[in-house]
């Protein structure tokens, strides 16, 4: 978008120019993402200024995702919140597809303005199960960690087969201005960790979801 920077009025500051260029790029990516048609088994997300296409997870990934989804649904049963899968989370022309998320059971009132997903402001917890490969690991451990913090999502649950012998990290109290979290609690597989706040407060992640510590 250098042409925009060259054409800006001389009175426009560099910071203002960066804002214009960033907004323009966001819109281009947003329109391209909306127009994408992917083969079955693939998904596309807008993460930190790029569209990332990735395949759906392998069997072990799906098993852990389904265990945590079913456990969250049992925990939330009877209330106004539920665990959802395969839903776009939308925030300021960004789009993410967590492996699972907690939001109101009825999402209609919380859809984004284009009706393509749920607004991040309505999401209370996101879950990512890390896939093999450095790019996949960096996406969930680094890029999505920052994006979810920027969106102010209260809790991020990261289940990571590839962190040592397996680990669960719970991020809470996001700092959108820092793209990071105040509280980060990591435990190895086989050790229980408890969601500290929100509708899933008190939900325990342990061996029933992850299995024991890997040898």
C-alpha atoms as a PDB file:
ATOM      1  CA  UNK A   1       0.000   0.000   0.000  1.00  0.00           C
ATOM      2  CA  UNK A   2       2.937   2.347  -0.580  1.00  0.00           C
ATOM      3  CA  UNK A   3       0.966   4.317  -3.161  1.00  0.00           C
ATOM      4  CA  UNK A   4      -1.346   5.533  -0.435  1.00  0.00           C
ATOM      5  CA  UNK A   5       1.595   6.726   1.618  1.00  0.00           C
ATOM      6  CA  UNK A   6       3.002   8.617  -1.365  1.00  0.00           C
ATOM      7  CA  UNK A   7      -0.316  10.276  -2.128  1.00  0.00           C
ATOM      8  CA  UNK A   8      -1.115  11.395   1.399  1.00  0.00           C
ATOM      9  CA  UNK A   9      -1.235  15.152   2.126  1.00  0.00           C
ATOM     10  CA  UNK A  10       1.989  16.612   3.472  1.00  0.00           C
ATOM     11  CA  UNK A  11       0.208  17.527   6.704  1.00  0.00           C
ATOM     12  CA  UNK A  12      -0.568  13.865   7.461  1.00  0.00           C
ATOM     13  CA  UNK A  13       1.758  12.397  10.085  1.00  0.00           C
ATOM     14  CA  UNK A  14       3.587   9.079   9.675  1.00  0.00           C
ATOM     15  CA  UNK A  15       1.385   7.574  12.404  1.00  0.00           C
ATOM     16  CA  UNK A  16      -1.754   8.689  10.564  1.00  0.00           C
ATOM     17  CA  UNK A  17      -0.399   7.255   7.314  1.00  0.00           C
ATOM     18  CA  UNK A  18       0.321   3.920   8.989  1.00  0.00           C
ATOM     19  CA  UNK A  19      -3.245   3.891  10.292  1.00  0.00           C
ATOM     20  CA  UNK A  20      -4.663   4.534   6.820  1.00  0.00           C
ATOM     21  CA  UNK A  21      -2.473   1.866   5.250  1.00  0.00           C
ATOM     22  CA  UNK A  22      -3.320  -0.623   7.986  1.00  0.00           C
ATOM     23  CA  UNK A  23      -7.055   0.006   7.640  1.00  0.00           C
ATOM     24  CA  UNK A  24      -6.844  -0.372   3.864  1.00  0.00           C
ATOM     25  CA  UNK A  25      -4.952  -3.657   4.134  1.00  0.00           C
ATOM     26  CA  UNK A  26      -7.453  -4.944   6.678  1.00  0.00           C
ATOM     27  CA  UNK A  27     -10.284  -4.208   4.256  1.00  0.00           C
ATOM     28  CA  UNK A  28      -8.485  -5.890   1.330  1.00  0.00           C
ATOM     29  CA  UNK A  29      -7.834  -9.005   3.415  1.00  0.00           C
ATOM     30  CA  UNK A  30     -11.412  -8.985   4.695  1.00  0.00           C
ATOM     31  CA  UNK A  31     -12.900  -8.874   1.202  1.00  0.00           C
ATOM     32  CA  UNK A  32     -10.478 -11.551  -0.054  1.00  0.00           C
ATOM     33  CA  UNK A  33     -11.290 -13.793   2.917  1.00  0.00           C
ATOM     34  CA  UNK A  34     -15.034 -13.447   2.371  1.00  0.00           C
ATOM     35  CA  UNK A  35     -14.635 -14.423  -1.293  1.00  0.00           C
ATOM     36  CA  UNK A  36     -12.482 -17.504  -0.674  1.00  0.00           C
ATOM     37  CA  UNK A  37     -13.738 -20.942  -1.652  1.00  0.00           C
ATOM     38  CA  UNK A  38     -11.652 -23.662  -0.058  1.00  0.00           C
ATOM     39  CA  UNK A  39     -11.599 -27.419  -0.652  1.00  0.00           C
ATOM     40  CA  UNK A  40     -13.326 -29.509   1.974  1.00  0.00           C
ATOM     41  CA  UNK A  41     -11.105 -30.058   4.976  1.00  0.00           C
ATOM     42  CA  UNK A  42      -9.444 -26.627   4.917  1.00  0.00           C
ATOM     43  CA  UNK A  43     -10.142 -23.391   6.736  1.00  0.00           C
ATOM     44  CA  UNK A  44      -8.944 -19.806   6.363  1.00  0.00           C
ATOM     45  CA  UNK A  45      -8.318 -17.234   9.079  1.00  0.00           C
ATOM     46  CA  UNK A  46      -7.078 -13.636   9.113  1.00  0.00           C
ATOM     47  CA  UNK A  47      -4.257 -13.509  11.656  1.00  0.00           C
ATOM     48  CA  UNK A  48      -1.999 -10.504  12.193  1.00  0.00           C
ATOM     49  CA  UNK A  49      -2.285  -9.060   8.711  1.00  0.00           C
ATOM     50  CA  UNK A  50      -2.287 -12.288   6.690  1.00  0.00           C
ATOM     51  CA  UNK A  51      -4.751 -14.915   5.522  1.00  0.00           C
ATOM     52  CA  UNK A  52      -3.641 -18.303   6.814  1.00  0.00           C
ATOM     53  CA  UNK A  53      -5.057 -21.493   5.295  1.00  0.00           C
ATOM     54  CA  UNK A  54      -4.702 -24.723   7.235  1.00  0.00           C
ATOM     55  CA  UNK A  55      -6.129 -28.246   7.084  1.00  0.00           C
ATOM     56  CA  UNK A  56      -8.435 -29.563   9.761  1.00  0.00           C
ATOM     57  CA  UNK A  57      -6.637 -31.453  12.514  1.00  0.00           C
ATOM     58  CA  UNK A  58      -5.596 -35.069  12.542  1.00  0.00           C
ATOM     59  CA  UNK A  59      -7.366 -37.711  14.636  1.00  0.00           C
ATOM     60  CA  UNK A  60      -5.552 -37.020  17.930  1.00  0.00           C
ATOM     61  CA  UNK A  61      -6.354 -33.311  17.541  1.00  0.00           C
ATOM     62  CA  UNK A  62     -10.033 -34.053  16.920  1.00  0.00           C
ATOM     63  CA  UNK A  63     -10.228 -36.417  19.889  1.00  0.00           C
ATOM     64  CA  UNK A  64      -8.896 -33.836  22.354  1.00  0.00           C
ATOM     65  CA  UNK A  65     -11.084 -31.094  20.856  1.00  0.00           C
ATOM     66  CA  UNK A  66     -14.203 -33.239  21.179  1.00  0.00           C
ATOM     67  CA  UNK A  67     -13.358 -34.272  24.728  1.00  0.00           C
ATOM     68  CA  UNK A  68     -13.024 -30.672  25.873  1.00  0.00           C
ATOM     69  CA  UNK A  69     -16.163 -29.633  23.972  1.00  0.00           C
ATOM     70  CA  UNK A  70     -18.276 -32.391  25.513  1.00  0.00           C
ATOM     71  CA  UNK A  71     -16.892 -31.695  28.982  1.00  0.00           C
ATOM     72  CA  UNK A  72     -17.602 -27.965  28.645  1.00  0.00           C
ATOM     73  CA  UNK A  73     -21.137 -28.665  27.422  1.00  0.00           C
ATOM     74  CA  UNK A  74     -21.789 -30.856  30.475  1.00  0.00           C
ATOM     75  CA  UNK A  75     -20.358 -28.179  32.765  1.00  0.00           C
ATOM     76  CA  UNK A  76     -22.436 -25.417  31.171  1.00  0.00           C
ATOM     77  CA  UNK A  77     -25.653 -27.461  30.859  1.00  0.00           C
ATOM     78  CA  UNK A  78     -28.743 -25.631  32.052  1.00  0.00           C
ATOM     79  CA  UNK A  79     -27.282 -22.149  31.698  1.00  0.00           C
ATOM     80  CA  UNK A  80     -27.334 -19.535  28.958  1.00  0.00           C
ATOM     81  CA  UNK A  81     -23.856 -20.413  27.671  1.00  0.00           C
ATOM     82  CA  UNK A  82     -22.670 -23.342  25.566  1.00  0.00           C
ATOM     83  CA  UNK A  83     -19.557 -24.659  23.875  1.00  0.00           C
ATOM     84  CA  UNK A  84     -19.440 -24.218  20.082  1.00  0.00           C
ATOM     85  CA  UNK A  85     -17.205 -25.474  17.276  1.00  0.00           C
ATOM     86  CA  UNK A  86     -16.540 -24.480  13.643  1.00  0.00           C
ATOM     87  CA  UNK A  87     -17.629 -20.862  14.115  1.00  0.00           C
ATOM     88  CA  UNK A  88     -15.827 -17.751  12.906  1.00  0.00           C
ATOM     89  CA  UNK A  89     -14.887 -15.269  15.623  1.00  0.00           C
ATOM     90  CA  UNK A  90     -14.835 -11.764  14.128  1.00  0.00           C
ATOM     91  CA  UNK A  91     -12.981  -8.726  15.495  1.00  0.00           C
ATOM     92  CA  UNK A  92     -12.127  -5.573  13.528  1.00  0.00           C
ATOM     93  CA  UNK A  93     -11.829  -7.273  10.126  1.00  0.00           C
ATOM     94  CA  UNK A  94      -9.966 -10.214  11.646  1.00  0.00           C
ATOM     95  CA  UNK A  95     -11.397 -13.739  11.546  1.00  0.00           C
ATOM     96  CA  UNK A  96     -10.383 -16.726  13.638  1.00  0.00           C
ATOM     97  CA  UNK A  97     -11.761 -20.238  13.972  1.00  0.00           C
ATOM     98  CA  UNK A  98     -10.919 -21.600  17.425  1.00  0.00           C
ATOM     99  CA  UNK A  99     -11.119 -25.336  17.977  1.00  0.00           C
ATOM    100  CA  UNK A 100     -13.853 -24.570  20.514  1.00  0.00           C
ATOM    101  CA  UNK A 101     -15.343 -21.508  22.163  1.00  0.00           C
ATOM    102  CA  UNK A 102     -17.756 -20.601  24.930  1.00  0.00           C
ATOM    103  CA  UNK A 103     -20.450 -18.044  24.139  1.00  0.00           C
ATOM    104  CA  UNK A 104     -24.192 -17.646  24.541  1.00  0.00           C
ATOM    105  CA  UNK A 105     -26.128 -20.708  23.452  1.00  0.00           C
ATOM    106  CA  UNK A 106     -28.209 -18.518  21.138  1.00  0.00           C
ATOM    107  CA  UNK A 107     -25.692 -16.697  18.962  1.00  0.00           C
ATOM    108  CA  UNK A 108     -28.088 -14.795  16.703  1.00  0.00           C
ATOM    109  CA  UNK A 109     -27.998 -11.642  18.807  1.00  0.00           C
ATOM    110  CA  UNK A 110     -24.201 -11.739  18.864  1.00  0.00           C
ATOM    111  CA  UNK A 111     -23.457 -12.161  15.170  1.00  0.00           C
ATOM    112  CA  UNK A 112     -21.011  -9.798  13.485  1.00  0.00           C
ATOM    113  CA  UNK A 113     -22.425  -7.132  11.151  1.00  0.00           C
ATOM    114  CA  UNK A 114     -21.934  -9.347   8.071  1.00  0.00           C
ATOM    115  CA  UNK A 115     -23.504 -12.409   9.682  1.00  0.00           C
ATOM    116  CA  UNK A 116     -20.355 -14.466   9.074  1.00  0.00           C
ATOM    117  CA  UNK A 117     -19.666 -15.429  12.662  1.00  0.00           C
ATOM    118  CA  UNK A 118     -19.893 -14.345  16.265  1.00  0.00           C
ATOM    119  CA  UNK A 119     -18.464 -11.037  17.477  1.00  0.00           C
ATOM    120  CA  UNK A 120     -15.385 -11.523  19.656  1.00  0.00           C
ATOM    121  CA  UNK A 121     -16.989  -9.326  22.326  1.00  0.00           C
ATOM    122  CA  UNK A 122     -19.506 -12.112  22.987  1.00  0.00           C
ATOM    123  CA  UNK A 123     -16.914 -14.886  23.349  1.00  0.00           C
ATOM    124  CA  UNK A 124     -15.979 -15.770  26.924  1.00  0.00           C
ATOM    125  CA  UNK A 125     -13.377 -18.493  26.325  1.00  0.00           C
ATOM    126  CA  UNK A 126     -11.477 -19.904  23.352  1.00  0.00           C
ATOM    127  CA  UNK A 127      -9.751 -23.277  23.079  1.00  0.00           C
ATOM    128  CA  UNK A 128      -6.920 -24.201  20.735  1.00  0.00           C
ATOM    129  CA  UNK A 129      -5.424 -27.690  20.416  1.00  0.00           C
ATOM    130  CA  UNK A 130      -1.945 -27.385  18.910  1.00  0.00           C
ATOM    131  CA  UNK A 131      -1.192 -29.262  15.692  1.00  0.00           C
ATOM    132  CA  UNK A 132       2.250 -30.608  14.665  1.00  0.00           C
ATOM    133  CA  UNK A 133       4.635 -28.427  12.707  1.00  0.00           C
ATOM    134  CA  UNK A 134       6.422 -25.212  13.668  1.00  0.00           C
ATOM    135  CA  UNK A 135       4.064 -22.936  11.729  1.00  0.00           C
ATOM    136  CA  UNK A 136       1.005 -24.466  13.412  1.00  0.00           C
ATOM    137  CA  UNK A 137       2.645 -24.274  16.821  1.00  0.00           C
ATOM    138  CA  UNK A 138       3.681 -20.649  16.325  1.00  0.00           C
ATOM    139  CA  UNK A 139       0.168 -19.762  15.179  1.00  0.00           C
ATOM    140  CA  UNK A 140      -1.495 -21.020  18.372  1.00  0.00           C
ATOM    141  CA  UNK A 141       1.306 -20.262  20.840  1.00  0.00           C
ATOM    142  CA  UNK A 142       2.229 -16.809  19.540  1.00  0.00           C
ATOM    143  CA  UNK A 143       0.051 -15.215  16.856  1.00  0.00           C
ATOM    144  CA  UNK A 144      -3.352 -16.325  18.126  1.00  0.00           C
ATOM    145  CA  UNK A 145      -2.279 -15.706  21.706  1.00  0.00           C
ATOM    146  CA  UNK A 146      -1.701 -12.058  20.754  1.00  0.00           C
ATOM    147  CA  UNK A 147      -4.860 -11.780  18.632  1.00  0.00           C
ATOM    148  CA  UNK A 148      -7.143 -13.159  21.334  1.00  0.00           C
ATOM    149  CA  UNK A 149      -5.579 -10.768  23.856  1.00  0.00           C
ATOM    150  CA  UNK A 150      -6.081  -7.804  21.488  1.00  0.00           C
ATOM    151  CA  UNK A 151      -9.751  -8.773  21.175  1.00  0.00           C
ATOM    152  CA  UNK A 152     -10.146  -8.848  24.962  1.00  0.00           C
ATOM    153  CA  UNK A 153     -11.411 -12.440  25.092  1.00  0.00           C
ATOM    154  CA  UNK A 154     -11.342 -13.234  28.831  1.00  0.00           C
ATOM    155  CA  UNK A 155      -9.811 -16.730  28.772  1.00  0.00           C
ATOM    156  CA  UNK A 156      -7.605 -18.605  26.309  1.00  0.00           C
ATOM    157  CA  UNK A 157      -7.092 -22.343  26.883  1.00  0.00           C
ATOM    158  CA  UNK A 158      -4.140 -23.855  24.982  1.00  0.00           C
ATOM    159  CA  UNK A 159      -3.764 -27.647  24.911  1.00  0.00           C
ATOM    160  CA  UNK A 160      -0.354 -28.521  23.543  1.00  0.00           C
ATOM    161  CA  UNK A 161       0.829 -32.064  22.795  1.00  0.00           C
ATOM    162  CA  UNK A 162       4.175 -30.636  21.637  1.00  0.00           C
ATOM    163  CA  UNK A 163       5.132 -28.608  24.718  1.00  0.00           C
ATOM    164  CA  UNK A 164       7.535 -30.976  26.492  1.00  0.00           C
ATOM    165  CA  UNK A 165       5.595 -34.146  27.263  1.00  0.00           C
ATOM    166  CA  UNK A 166       2.349 -32.237  26.843  1.00  0.00           C
ATOM    167  CA  UNK A 167       1.097 -29.146  28.651  1.00  0.00           C
ATOM    168  CA  UNK A 168      -2.003 -27.042  29.203  1.00  0.00           C
ATOM    169  CA  UNK A 169      -1.617 -23.268  29.424  1.00  0.00           C
ATOM    170  CA  UNK A 170      -4.423 -21.073  30.701  1.00  0.00           C
ATOM    171  CA  UNK A 171      -4.275 -17.377  29.785  1.00  0.00           C
ATOM    172  CA  UNK A 172      -6.606 -14.946  31.560  1.00  0.00           C
ATOM    173  CA  UNK A 173      -6.980 -11.203  32.215  1.00  0.00           C
ATOM    174  CA  UNK A 174      -6.119 -10.027  28.694  1.00  0.00           C
ATOM    175  CA  UNK A 175      -4.289  -6.748  28.056  1.00  0.00           C
ATOM    176  CA  UNK A 176      -5.461  -5.590  24.607  1.00  0.00           C
ATOM    177  CA  UNK A 177      -3.030  -2.674  24.645  1.00  0.00           C
ATOM    178  CA  UNK A 178      -0.103  -5.058  25.177  1.00  0.00           C
ATOM    179  CA  UNK A 179      -1.420  -7.955  23.068  1.00  0.00           C
ATOM    180  CA  UNK A 180      -0.705 -10.192  26.046  1.00  0.00           C
ATOM    181  CA  UNK A 181      -2.144 -11.554  29.282  1.00  0.00           C
ATOM    182  CA  UNK A 182      -1.780 -10.688  32.954  1.00  0.00           C
ATOM    183  CA  UNK A 183      -2.172 -14.254  34.219  1.00  0.00           C
ATOM    184  CA  UNK A 184      -0.518 -17.245  32.530  1.00  0.00           C
ATOM    185  CA  UNK A 185      -0.694 -20.633  34.201  1.00  0.00           C
ATOM    186  CA  UNK A 186       1.003 -23.650  32.575  1.00  0.00           C
ATOM    187  CA  UNK A 187       0.813 -27.221  33.869  1.00  0.00           C
ATOM    188  CA  UNK A 188       2.042 -30.523  32.409  1.00  0.00           C
ATOM    189  CA  UNK A 189      -0.435 -33.148  31.263  1.00  0.00           C
ATOM    190  CA  UNK A 190      -1.699 -35.118  34.233  1.00  0.00           C
ATOM    191  CA  UNK A 191      -1.964 -31.994  36.423  1.00  0.00           C
ATOM    192  CA  UNK A 192      -5.337 -30.305  36.759  1.00  0.00           C
ATOM    193  CA  UNK A 193      -5.874 -26.638  35.945  1.00  0.00           C
ATOM    194  CA  UNK A 194      -9.088 -24.698  36.618  1.00  0.00           C
ATOM    195  CA  UNK A 195     -10.708 -21.914  34.590  1.00  0.00           C
ATOM    196  CA  UNK A 196     -10.623 -18.868  36.897  1.00  0.00           C
ATOM    197  CA  UNK A 197     -13.460 -16.711  35.580  1.00  0.00           C
ATOM    198  CA  UNK A 198     -16.461 -16.358  33.289  1.00  0.00           C
ATOM    199  CA  UNK A 199     -19.319 -18.796  32.643  1.00  0.00           C
ATOM    200  CA  UNK A 200     -16.825 -21.707  32.659  1.00  0.00           C
ATOM    201  CA  UNK A 201     -15.355 -20.664  36.028  1.00  0.00           C
ATOM    202  CA  UNK A 202     -14.496 -23.813  37.976  1.00  0.00           C
ATOM    203  CA  UNK A 203     -14.185 -26.013  34.882  1.00  0.00           C
ATOM    204  CA  UNK A 204     -11.248 -28.393  35.393  1.00  0.00           C
ATOM    205  CA  UNK A 205      -8.950 -29.568  32.605  1.00  0.00           C
ATOM    206  CA  UNK A 206      -7.183 -32.780  33.532  1.00  0.00           C
ATOM    207  CA  UNK A 207      -6.456 -36.306  32.360  1.00  0.00           C
ATOM    208  CA  UNK A 208     -10.028 -36.867  31.195  1.00  0.00           C
ATOM    209  CA  UNK A 209      -9.292 -34.329  28.435  1.00  0.00           C
ATOM    210  CA  UNK A 210      -5.549 -34.562  27.805  1.00  0.00           C
ATOM    211  CA  UNK A 211      -4.529 -37.936  29.133  1.00  0.00           C
ATOM    212  CA  UNK A 212      -1.547 -38.379  31.497  1.00  0.00           C
ATOM    213  CA  UNK A 213       1.917 -36.896  31.150  1.00  0.00           C
ATOM    214  CA  UNK A 214       3.565 -38.317  28.031  1.00  0.00           C
ATOM    215  CA  UNK A 215       6.626 -40.513  28.551  1.00  0.00           C
END
